[in-house]
PDB file of N, CA and C in Angstrom:
ATOM      1  N   MET A   1     100.081 130.845 111.452  1.00  0.00           N
ATOM      2  CA  MET A   1      98.929 131.099 112.297  1.00  0.00           C
ATOM      3  C   MET A   1      97.874 131.839 111.486  1.00  0.00           C
ATOM      4  N   ALA A   2      96.651 131.462 111.636  1.00  0.00           N
ATOM      5  CA  ALA A   2      95.553 132.084 110.911  1.00  0.00           C
ATOM      6  C   ALA A   2      95.257 133.458 111.511  1.00  0.00           C
ATOM      7  N   GLU A   3      94.876 134.368 110.644  1.00  0.00           N
ATOM      8  CA  GLU A   3      94.504 135.701 111.117  1.00  0.00           C
ATOM      9  C   GLU A   3      93.075 135.659 111.625  1.00  0.00           C
ATOM     10  N   LYS A   4      92.811 136.353 112.734  1.00  0.00           N
ATOM     11  CA  LYS A   4      91.480 136.382 113.318  1.00  0.00           C
ATOM     12  C   LYS A   4      90.833 137.719 112.976  1.00  0.00           C
ATOM     13  N   VAL A   5      89.609 137.673 112.443  1.00  0.00           N
ATOM     14  CA  VAL A   5      88.838 138.881 112.141  1.00  0.00           C
ATOM     15  C   VAL A   5      87.470 138.753 112.797  1.00  0.00           C
ATOM     16  N   ASN A   6      86.877 139.898 113.153  1.00  0.00           N
ATOM     17  CA  ASN A   6      85.555 139.834 113.773  1.00  0.00           C
ATOM     18  C   ASN A   6      84.476 139.740 112.696  1.00  0.00           C
ATOM     19  N   VAL A   7      83.262 139.431 113.109  1.00  0.00           N
ATOM     20  CA  VAL A   7      82.155 139.197 112.182  1.00  0.00           C
ATOM     21  C   VAL A   7      81.887 140.445 111.336  1.00  0.00           C
ATOM     22  N   TYR A   8      81.874 141.603 111.964  1.00  0.00           N
ATOM     23  CA  TYR A   8      81.592 142.840 111.224  1.00  0.00           C
ATOM     24  C   TYR A   8      82.628 143.052 110.121  1.00  0.00           C
ATOM     25  N   GLU A   9      83.902 142.876 110.463  1.00  0.00           N
ATOM     26  CA  GLU A   9      84.965 143.042 109.466  1.00  0.00           C
ATOM     27  C   GLU A   9      84.832 142.000 108.357  1.00  0.00           C
ATOM     28  N   ALA A  10      84.451 140.776 108.707  1.00  0.00           N
ATOM     29  CA  ALA A  10      84.285 139.720 107.711  1.00  0.00           C
ATOM     30  C   ALA A  10      83.157 140.057 106.741  1.00  0.00           C
ATOM     31  N   LYS A  11      82.047 140.598 107.267  1.00  0.00           N
ATOM     32  CA  LYS A  11      80.936 140.983 106.392  1.00  0.00           C
ATOM     33  C   LYS A  11      81.325 142.149 105.497  1.00  0.00           C
ATOM     34  N   THR A  12      82.060 143.093 106.057  1.00  0.00           N
ATOM     35  CA  THR A  12      82.429 144.291 105.315  1.00  0.00           C
ATOM     36  C   THR A  12      83.453 144.001 104.222  1.00  0.00           C
ATOM     37  N   HIS A  13      84.402 143.108 104.504  1.00  0.00           N
ATOM     38  CA  HIS A  13      85.529 142.862 103.598  1.00  0.00           C
ATOM     39  C   HIS A  13      85.567 141.422 103.088  1.00  0.00           C
ATOM     40  N   LEU A  14      84.406 140.815 102.903  1.00  0.00           N
ATOM     41  CA  LEU A  14      84.359 139.409 102.499  1.00  0.00           C
ATOM     42  C   LEU A  14      85.111 139.157 101.192  1.00  0.00           C
ATOM     43  N   SER A  15      84.967 140.017 100.202  1.00  0.00           N
ATOM     44  CA  SER A  15      85.640 139.812  98.907  1.00  0.00           C
ATOM     45  C   SER A  15      87.152 139.791  99.085  1.00  0.00           C
ATOM     46  N   ARG A  16      87.680 140.733  99.868  1.00  0.00           N
ATOM     47  CA  ARG A  16      89.134 140.766 100.109  1.00  0.00           C
ATOM     48  C   ARG A  16      89.599 139.533 100.866  1.00  0.00           C
ATOM     49  N   LEU A  17      88.807 139.116 101.855  1.00  0.00           N
ATOM     50  CA  LEU A  17      89.169 137.920 102.622  1.00  0.00           C
ATOM     51  C   LEU A  17      89.184 136.684 101.724  1.00  0.00           C
ATOM     52  N   LEU A  18      88.211 136.593 100.821  1.00  0.00           N
ATOM     53  CA  LEU A  18      88.170 135.446  99.912  1.00  0.00           C
ATOM     54  C   LEU A  18      89.376 135.433  98.973  1.00  0.00           C
ATOM     55  N   GLU A  19      89.825 136.598  98.535  1.00  0.00           N
ATOM     56  CA  GLU A  19      91.031 136.668  97.699  1.00  0.00           C
ATOM     57  C   GLU A  19      92.235 136.139  98.460  1.00  0.00           C
ATOM     58  N   ARG A  20      92.331 136.499  99.729  1.00  0.00           N
ATOM     59  CA  ARG A  20      93.452 136.017 100.542  1.00  0.00           C
ATOM     60  C   ARG A  20      93.378 134.513 100.758  1.00  0.00           C
ATOM     61  N   VAL A  21      92.154 133.998 100.950  1.00  0.00           N
ATOM     62  CA  VAL A  21      91.984 132.551 101.130  1.00  0.00           C
ATOM     63  C   VAL A  21      92.370 131.821  99.850  1.00  0.00           C
ATOM     64  N   GLU A  22      91.987 132.364  98.698  1.00  0.00           N
ATOM     65  CA  GLU A  22      92.369 131.750  97.423  1.00  0.00           C
ATOM     66  C   GLU A  22      93.881 131.727  97.258  1.00  0.00           C
ATOM     67  N   ALA A  23      94.567 132.684  97.852  1.00  0.00           N
ATOM     68  CA  ALA A  23      96.029 132.734  97.781  1.00  0.00           C
ATOM     69  C   ALA A  23      96.676 131.767  98.771  1.00  0.00           C
ATOM     70  N   GLY A  24      95.861 131.094  99.592  1.00  0.00           N
ATOM     71  CA  GLY A  24      96.412 130.077 100.487  1.00  0.00           C
ATOM     72  C   GLY A  24      96.332 130.414 101.965  1.00  0.00           C
ATOM     73  N   GLU A  25      95.887 131.604 102.319  1.00  0.00           N
ATOM     74  CA  GLU A  25      95.789 131.969 103.733  1.00  0.00           C
ATOM     75  C   GLU A  25      94.575 131.305 104.380  1.00  0.00           C
ATOM     76  N   GLU A  26      94.585 131.266 105.708  1.00  0.00           N
ATOM     77  CA  GLU A  26      93.448 130.784 106.480  1.00  0.00           C
ATOM     78  C   GLU A  26      92.984 131.941 107.356  1.00  0.00           C
ATOM     79  N   ILE A  27      91.694 132.201 107.357  1.00  0.00           N
ATOM     80  CA  ILE A  27      91.115 133.294 108.123  1.00  0.00           C
ATOM     81  C   ILE A  27      90.146 132.710 109.144  1.00  0.00           C
ATOM     82  N   VAL A  28      90.252 133.161 110.393  1.00  0.00           N
ATOM     83  CA  VAL A  28      89.336 132.729 111.450  1.00  0.00           C
ATOM     84  C   VAL A  28      88.386 133.879 111.732  1.00  0.00           C
ATOM     85  N   ILE A  29      87.093 133.586 111.708  1.00  0.00           N
ATOM     86  CA  ILE A  29      86.078 134.591 112.014  1.00  0.00           C
ATOM     87  C   ILE A  29      85.669 134.401 113.475  1.00  0.00           C
ATOM     88  N   ALA A  30      85.703 135.505 114.221  1.00  0.00           N
ATOM     89  CA  ALA A  30      85.433 135.439 115.650  1.00  0.00           C
ATOM     90  C   ALA A  30      84.249 136.330 116.013  1.00  0.00           C
ATOM     91  N   ARG A  31      83.522 135.895 117.023  1.00  0.00           N
ATOM     92  CA  ARG A  31      82.428 136.695 117.594  1.00  0.00           C
ATOM     93  C   ARG A  31      82.799 136.947 119.055  1.00  0.00           C
ATOM     94  N   ASN A  32      82.875 138.217 119.426  1.00  0.00           N
ATOM     95  CA  ASN A  32      83.275 138.602 120.784  1.00  0.00           C
ATOM     96  C   ASN A  32      84.626 138.004 121.155  1.00  0.00           C
ATOM     97  N   GLY A  33      85.525 137.940 120.178  1.00  0.00           N
ATOM     98  CA  GLY A  33      86.880 137.439 120.433  1.00  0.00           C
ATOM     99  C   GLY A  33      87.003 135.925 120.449  1.00  0.00           C
ATOM    100  N   ARG A  34      85.905 135.194 120.303  1.00  0.00           N
ATOM    101  CA  ARG A  34      85.960 133.728 120.322  1.00  0.00           C
ATOM    102  C   ARG A  34      85.794 133.193 118.909  1.00  0.00           C
ATOM    103  N   PRO A  35      86.695 132.335 118.447  1.00  0.00           N
ATOM    104  CA  PRO A  35      86.597 131.791 117.090  1.00  0.00           C
ATOM    105  C   PRO A  35      85.308 130.995 116.893  1.00  0.00           C
ATOM    106  N   VAL A  36      84.632 131.255 115.750  1.00  0.00           N
ATOM    107  CA  VAL A  36      83.409 130.503 115.449  1.00  0.00           C
ATOM    108  C   VAL A  36      83.460 129.835 114.078  1.00  0.00           C
ATOM    109  N   ALA A  37      84.340 130.297 113.173  1.00  0.00           N
ATOM    110  CA  ALA A  37      84.389 129.703 111.832  1.00  0.00           C
ATOM    111  C   ALA A  37      85.772 129.935 111.231  1.00  0.00           C
ATOM    112  N   ARG A  38      86.102 129.105 110.229  1.00  0.00           N
ATOM    113  CA  ARG A  38      87.359 129.252 109.493  1.00  0.00           C
ATOM    114  C   ARG A  38      87.054 129.376 108.017  1.00  0.00           C
ATOM    115  N   LEU A  39      87.764 130.283 107.352  1.00  0.00           N
ATOM    116  CA  LEU A  39      87.718 130.364 105.887  1.00  0.00           C
ATOM    117  C   LEU A  39      88.986 129.694 105.383  1.00  0.00           C
ATOM    118  N   VAL A  40      88.820 128.617 104.648  1.00  0.00           N
ATOM    119  CA  VAL A  40      89.955 127.884 104.087  1.00  0.00           C
ATOM    120  C   VAL A  40      89.666 127.617 102.622  1.00  0.00           C
ATOM    121  N   PRO A  41      90.701 127.395 101.803  1.00  0.00           N
ATOM    122  CA  PRO A  41      90.460 127.088 100.390  1.00  0.00           C
ATOM    123  C   PRO A  41      89.644 125.799 100.246  1.00  0.00           C
ATOM    124  N   ALA A  42      88.707 125.807  99.308  1.00  0.00           N
ATOM    125  CA  ALA A  42      87.892 124.616  99.041  1.00  0.00           C
ATOM    126  C   ALA A  42      88.764 123.542  98.397  1.00  0.00           C
ATOM    127  N   GLN A  43      88.487 122.294  98.727  1.00  0.00           N
ATOM    128  CA  GLN A  43      89.216 121.175  98.137  1.00  0.00           C
ATOM    129  C   GLN A  43      88.728 120.960  96.715  1.00  0.00           C
ATOM    130  N   ARG A  44      89.647 120.871  95.802  1.00  0.00           N
ATOM    131  CA  ARG A  44      89.269 120.603  94.411  1.00  0.00           C
ATOM    132  C   ARG A  44      89.042 119.112  94.254  1.00  0.00           C
ATOM    133  N   THR A  45      88.046 118.761  93.476  1.00  0.00           N
ATOM    134  CA  THR A  45      87.751 117.346  93.276  1.00  0.00           C
ATOM    135  C   THR A  45      88.717 116.758  92.249  1.00  0.00           C
ATOM    136  N   ALA A  46      89.103 115.535  92.480  1.00  0.00           N
ATOM    137  CA  ALA A  46      90.003 114.839  91.568  1.00  0.00           C
ATOM    138  C   ALA A  46      89.233 114.462  90.298  1.00  0.00           C
ATOM    139  N   PRO A  47      89.920 114.394  89.173  1.00  0.00           N
ATOM    140  CA  PRO A  47      89.222 113.983  87.952  1.00  0.00           C
ATOM    141  C   PRO A  47      88.667 112.569  88.102  1.00  0.00           C
ATOM    142  N   ARG A  48      87.514 112.358  87.547  1.00  0.00           N
ATOM    143  CA  ARG A  48      86.853 111.056  87.646  1.00  0.00           C
ATOM    144  C   ARG A  48      87.627 110.027  86.834  1.00  0.00           C
ATOM    145  N   ARG A  49      87.887 108.873  87.443  1.00  0.00           N
ATOM    146  CA  ARG A  49      88.622 107.807  86.772  1.00  0.00           C
ATOM    147  C   ARG A  49      87.686 106.982  85.915  1.00  0.00           C
ATOM    148  N   GLU A  50      88.178 106.567  84.777  1.00  0.00           N
ATOM    149  CA  GLU A  50      87.380 105.785  83.832  1.00  0.00           C
ATOM    150  C   GLU A  50      87.984 104.383  83.740  1.00  0.00           C
ATOM    151  N   PRO A  51      87.315 103.347  84.264  1.00  0.00           N
ATOM    152  CA  PRO A  51      87.853 101.996  84.168  1.00  0.00           C
ATOM    153  C   PRO A  51      88.026 101.573  82.709  1.00  0.00           C
ATOM    154  N   GLY A  52      89.152 100.938  82.432  1.00  0.00           N
ATOM    155  CA  GLY A  52      89.411 100.439  81.087  1.00  0.00           C
ATOM    156  C   GLY A  52      89.961 101.478  80.133  1.00  0.00           C
ATOM    157  N   SER A  53      90.312 102.653  80.615  1.00  0.00           N
ATOM    158  CA  SER A  53      90.767 103.707  79.710  1.00  0.00           C
ATOM    159  C   SER A  53      92.143 103.404  79.093  1.00  0.00           C
ATOM    160  N   LEU A  54      92.897 102.463  79.652  1.00  0.00           N
ATOM    161  CA  LEU A  54      94.199 102.093  79.087  1.00  0.00           C
ATOM    162  C   LEU A  54      94.134 100.796  78.283  1.00  0.00           C
ATOM    163  N   ARG A  55      92.944 100.288  78.043  1.00  0.00           N
ATOM    164  CA  ARG A  55      92.800  99.038  77.298  1.00  0.00           C
ATOM    165  C   ARG A  55      93.449  99.182  75.919  1.00  0.00           C
ATOM    166  N   GLY A  56      94.285  98.203  75.579  1.00  0.00           N
ATOM    167  CA  GLY A  56      94.957  98.213  74.290  1.00  0.00           C
ATOM    168  C   GLY A  56      96.258  98.995  74.282  1.00  0.00           C
ATOM    169  N   ARG A  57      96.579  99.691  75.358  1.00  0.00           N
ATOM    170  CA  ARG A  57      97.810 100.481  75.404  1.00  0.00           C
ATOM    171  C   ARG A  57      98.877  99.836  76.281  1.00  0.00           C
ATOM    172  N   ILE A  58      98.493  98.798  77.026  1.00  0.00           N
ATOM    173  CA  ILE A  58      99.432  98.109  77.908  1.00  0.00           C
ATOM    174  C   ILE A  58      99.500  96.650  77.494  1.00  0.00           C
ATOM    175  N   TRP A  59     100.707  96.120  77.438  1.00  0.00           N
ATOM    176  CA  TRP A  59     100.895  94.727  77.065  1.00  0.00           C
ATOM    177  C   TRP A  59     101.660  94.025  78.176  1.00  0.00           C
ATOM    178  N   VAL A  60     101.203  92.841  78.553  1.00  0.00           N
ATOM    179  CA  VAL A  60     101.868  92.041  79.571  1.00  0.00           C
ATOM    180  C   VAL A  60     102.184  90.693  78.951  1.00  0.00           C
ATOM    181  N   ALA A  61     103.450  90.284  79.059  1.00  0.00           N
ATOM    182  CA  ALA A  61     103.871  89.001  78.495  1.00  0.00           C
ATOM    183  C   ALA A  61     103.134  87.860  79.194  1.00  0.00           C
ATOM    184  N   PRO A  62     102.784  86.808  78.454  1.00  0.00           N
ATOM    185  CA  PRO A  62     102.047  85.700  79.069  1.00  0.00           C
ATOM    186  C   PRO A  62     102.847  84.994  80.172  1.00  0.00           C
ATOM    187  N   ASP A  63     104.172  85.074  80.119  1.00  0.00           N
ATOM    188  CA  ASP A  63     104.996  84.399  81.125  1.00  0.00           C
ATOM    189  C   ASP A  63     105.604  85.384  82.129  1.00  0.00           C
ATOM    190  N   PHE A  64     104.948  86.527  82.356  1.00  0.00           N
ATOM    191  CA  PHE A  64     105.526  87.561  83.217  1.00  0.00           C
ATOM    192  C   PHE A  64     105.757  87.081  84.647  1.00  0.00           C
ATOM    193  N   ASP A  65     104.989  86.112  85.110  1.00  0.00           N
ATOM    194  CA  ASP A  65     105.145  85.660  86.488  1.00  0.00           C
ATOM    195  C   ASP A  65     105.864  84.312  86.618  1.00  0.00           C
ATOM    196  N   GLU A  66     106.470  83.843  85.533  1.00  0.00           N
ATOM    197  CA  GLU A  66     107.244  82.601  85.592  1.00  0.00           C
ATOM    198  C   GLU A  66     108.590  82.894  86.261  1.00  0.00           C
ATOM    199  N   PRO A  67     109.034  82.016  87.168  1.00  0.00           N
ATOM    200  CA  PRO A  67     110.318  82.258  87.839  1.00  0.00           C
ATOM    201  C   PRO A  67     111.490  82.027  86.892  1.00  0.00           C
ATOM    202  N   GLU A  68     112.550  82.803  87.063  1.00  0.00           N
ATOM    203  CA  GLU A  68     113.767  82.597  86.283  1.00  0.00           C
ATOM    204  C   GLU A  68     114.589  81.502  86.956  1.00  0.00           C
ATOM    205  N   GLU A  69     115.008  80.521  86.179  1.00  0.00           N
ATOM    206  CA  GLU A  69     115.727  79.376  86.740  1.00  0.00           C
ATOM    207  C   GLU A  69     117.015  79.793  87.436  1.00  0.00           C
ATOM    208  N   ASP A  70     117.733  80.784  86.896  1.00  0.00           N
ATOM    209  CA  ASP A  70     118.978  81.233  87.537  1.00  0.00           C
ATOM    210  C   ASP A  70     118.706  81.747  88.953  1.00  0.00           C
ATOM    211  N   LEU A  71     117.626  82.488  89.122  1.00  0.00           N
ATOM    212  CA  LEU A  71     117.302  83.016  90.444  1.00  0.00           C
ATOM    213  C   LEU A  71     116.856  81.916  91.396  1.00  0.00           C
ATOM    214  N   VAL A  72     116.080  80.956  90.884  1.00  0.00           N
ATOM    215  CA  VAL A  72     115.635  79.844  91.725  1.00  0.00           C
ATOM    216  C   VAL A  72     116.835  79.022  92.167  1.00  0.00           C
ATOM    217  N   ASP A  73     117.758  78.729  91.242  1.00  0.00           N
ATOM    218  CA  ASP A  73     118.961  77.968  91.600  1.00  0.00           C
ATOM    219  C   ASP A  73     119.797  78.724  92.619  1.00  0.00           C
ATOM    220  N   ALA A  74     119.965  80.032  92.435  1.00  0.00           N
ATOM    221  CA  ALA A  74     120.759  80.826  93.373  1.00  0.00           C
ATOM    222  C   ALA A  74     120.095  80.855  94.749  1.00  0.00           C
ATOM    223  N   PHE A  75     118.771  80.877  94.784  1.00  0.00           N
ATOM    224  CA  PHE A  75     118.056  80.932  96.046  1.00  0.00           C
ATOM    225  C   PHE A  75     118.212  79.618  96.824  1.00  0.00           C
ATOM    226  N   TYR A  76     118.020  78.490  96.145  1.00  0.00           N
ATOM    227  CA  TYR A  76     118.036  77.211  96.840  1.00  0.00           C
ATOM    228  C   TYR A  76     119.423  76.574  96.930  1.00  0.00           C
ATOM    229  N   GLU A  77     120.299  76.839  95.982  1.00  0.00           N
ATOM    230  CA  GLU A  77     121.583  76.136  95.960  1.00  0.00           C
ATOM    231  C   GLU A  77     122.776  77.065  96.054  1.00  0.00           C
ATOM    232  N   GLY A  78     122.584  78.343  96.054  1.00  0.00           N
ATOM    233  CA  GLY A  78     123.686  79.292  96.060  1.00  0.00           C
ATOM    234  C   GLY A  78     124.285  79.486  97.441  1.00  0.00           C
ATOM    235  N   SER A  79     125.394  80.197  97.451  1.00  0.00           N
ATOM    236  CA  SER A  79     126.089  80.510  98.687  1.00  0.00           C
ATOM    237  C   SER A  79     125.286  81.568  99.445  1.00  0.00           C
ATOM    238  N   ILE A  80     125.342  81.529 100.770  1.00  0.00           N
ATOM    239  CA  ILE A  80     124.634  82.546 101.535  1.00  0.00           C
ATOM    240  C   ILE A  80     125.425  83.851 101.601  1.00  0.00           C
ATOM    241  N   PHE A  81     126.701  83.823 101.183  1.00  0.00           N
ATOM    242  CA  PHE A  81     127.523  85.017 101.161  1.00  0.00           C
ATOM    243  C   PHE A  81     127.734  85.458  99.727  1.00  0.00           C
ATOM    244  N   PRO A  82     127.562  86.742  99.430  1.00  0.00           N
ATOM    245  CA  PRO A  82     127.813  87.211  98.067  1.00  0.00           C
ATOM    246  C   PRO A  82     129.305  87.199  97.759  1.00  0.00           C
ATOM    247  N   GLY A  83     129.633  87.172  96.516  1.00  0.00           N
ATOM    248  CA  GLY A  83     131.035  87.234  96.108  1.00  0.00           C
ATOM    249  C   GLY A  83     131.585  85.857  95.810  1.00  0.00           C
ATOM    250  N   PRO A  84     132.907  85.762  95.785  1.00  0.00           N
ATOM    251  CA  PRO A  84     133.553  84.464  95.464  1.00  0.00           C
ATOM    252  C   PRO A  84     133.156  83.375  96.464  1.00  0.00           C
ATOM    253  N   GLU A  85     133.137  82.154  95.979  1.00  0.00           N
ATOM    254  CA  GLU A  85     132.813  81.011  96.841  1.00  0.00           C
ATOM    255  C   GLU A  85     133.810  80.934  97.987  1.00  0.00           C
ATOM    256  N   ARG A  86     133.312  80.607  99.180  1.00  0.00           N
ATOM    257  CA  ARG A  86     134.182  80.511 100.359  1.00  0.00           C
ATOM    258  C   ARG A  86     134.210  79.062 100.836  1.00  0.00           C
ATOM    259  N   ASP A  87     135.372  78.605 101.206  1.00  0.00           N
ATOM    260  CA  ASP A  87     135.502  77.266 101.758  1.00  0.00           C
ATOM    261  C   ASP A  87     135.326  77.354 103.270  1.00  0.00           C
ATOM    262  N   SER A  88     134.530  76.455 103.827  1.00  0.00           N
ATOM    263  CA  SER A  88     134.322  76.486 105.277  1.00  0.00           C
ATOM    264  C   SER A  88     135.185  75.495 105.963  1.00  0.00           C
TER     265      SER A  88
END
């Protein structure tokens, strides 16, 4: 639960409140007992992505998407039950 402080206390102790917010706390500022604002840690921006930054470092085989014949045969002609062949 966030701690509630009044406006006067927030103005007087803003530096201390900001230290607590940096530590992960959430502070609610209230006027006449009614919440009007929240102090929360600012969201850090993610590092900017650079398209093509891995060029030359990744290699993909030309036949990477060719089906393996063993898998195709098992899919179309194999038994529907795993393990030894069963006689029906």
